[in-house]
Amino acid sequence: MEPISEAYLAGPGMAAVDVVADDEQTAAAAARALGFLWWSSGPSRPWRVPGEAGVRVRTYVDIRRAPDGTPVA
């Protein structure tokens, strides 16, 4: 099974989710939690936006598939 990436976002049921939190651990944990709901790429490397509070991570999710990649009925 191939990992989810930006290239997969062209189809329906795919989403990029940016998580913003006060610290890297919280942002990554929130992105990982989405992996318990849907097939997910897991959190990206954290980044900050100059002049804005918090740290960000991105995860790609396929809401049509369970966390193990099987189709959701």
Protein backbone atom coordinates (compact mmCIF):
# COMPACT_ATOMS: atom_id res chain seq x y z
CA MET A 1 0.00 0.00 0.00
CA GLU A 2 1.44 3.38 -1.00
CA PRO A 3 1.49 6.26 1.49
CA ILE A 4 -0.89 9.19 1.09
CA SER A 5 0.69 12.36 -0.28
CA GLU A 6 -0.28 15.59 -2.02
CA ALA A 7 -0.56 13.73 -5.32
CA TYR A 8 -3.50 11.71 -3.96
CA LEU A 9 -5.61 14.78 -3.15
CA ALA A 10 -7.05 14.95 -6.65
CA GLY A 11 -9.79 12.43 -5.82
CA PRO A 12 -12.96 12.69 -3.73
CA GLY A 13 -12.70 11.61 -0.10
CA MET A 14 -9.16 12.93 0.26
CA ALA A 15 -8.20 15.81 2.55
CA ALA A 16 -5.15 17.68 3.79
CA VAL A 17 -5.54 18.61 7.45
CA ASP A 18 -3.34 21.27 9.04
CA VAL A 19 -3.18 21.03 12.82
CA VAL A 20 -2.11 24.09 14.85
CA ALA A 21 -1.13 23.74 18.51
CA ASP A 22 0.98 25.46 21.14
CA ASP A 23 3.74 22.83 20.94
CA GLU A 24 5.11 20.19 18.56
CA GLN A 25 4.10 17.22 20.70
CA THR A 26 0.46 18.27 20.87
CA ALA A 27 0.26 19.05 17.14
CA ALA A 28 1.79 15.69 16.22
CA ALA A 29 -0.44 13.80 18.68
CA ALA A 30 -3.56 15.42 17.21
CA ALA A 31 -2.50 14.53 13.67
CA ARG A 32 -1.73 10.92 14.74
CA ALA A 33 -5.18 10.68 16.37
CA LEU A 34 -6.76 11.18 12.94
CA GLY A 35 -5.01 7.96 11.92
CA PHE A 36 -7.29 6.07 14.31
CA LEU A 37 -10.29 7.25 12.26
CA TRP A 38 -9.07 7.08 8.65
CA TRP A 39 -6.18 5.98 6.50
CA SER A 40 -3.57 8.67 7.11
CA SER A 41 -0.08 9.74 6.14
CA GLY A 42 0.72 10.61 9.75
CA PRO A 43 2.05 14.01 10.82
CA SER A 44 4.51 15.98 8.72
CA ARG A 45 7.55 17.69 10.16
CA PRO A 46 6.43 20.63 12.29
CA TRP A 47 6.76 24.19 11.02
CA ARG A 48 6.02 27.69 12.26
CA VAL A 49 4.61 30.69 10.42
CA PRO A 50 6.47 33.90 11.27
CA GLY A 51 4.26 36.32 13.15
CA GLU A 52 1.66 33.67 14.05
CA ALA A 53 1.38 31.74 17.30
CA GLY A 54 1.75 27.98 17.46
CA VAL A 55 3.35 25.19 15.53
CA ARG A 56 1.78 23.39 12.57
CA VAL A 57 1.82 19.87 11.17
CA ARG A 58 -0.05 18.50 8.17
CA THR A 59 -1.55 15.08 7.65
CA TYR A 60 -3.29 13.65 4.59
CA VAL A 61 -6.35 11.48 5.18
CA ASP A 62 -8.54 9.28 3.01
CA ILE A 63 -11.97 9.26 4.66
CA ARG A 64 -13.04 6.38 2.39
CA ARG A 65 -10.64 3.96 4.09
CA ALA A 66 -10.22 2.55 7.58
CA PRO A 67 -6.87 3.03 9.37
CA ASP A 68 -5.59 -0.27 7.91
CA GLY A 69 -6.41 0.87 4.34
CA THR A 70 -9.50 -1.26 3.84
CA PRO A 71 -12.53 0.42 2.25
CA VAL A 72 -15.13 1.84 4.63
CA ALA A 73 -18.59 0.48 3.89
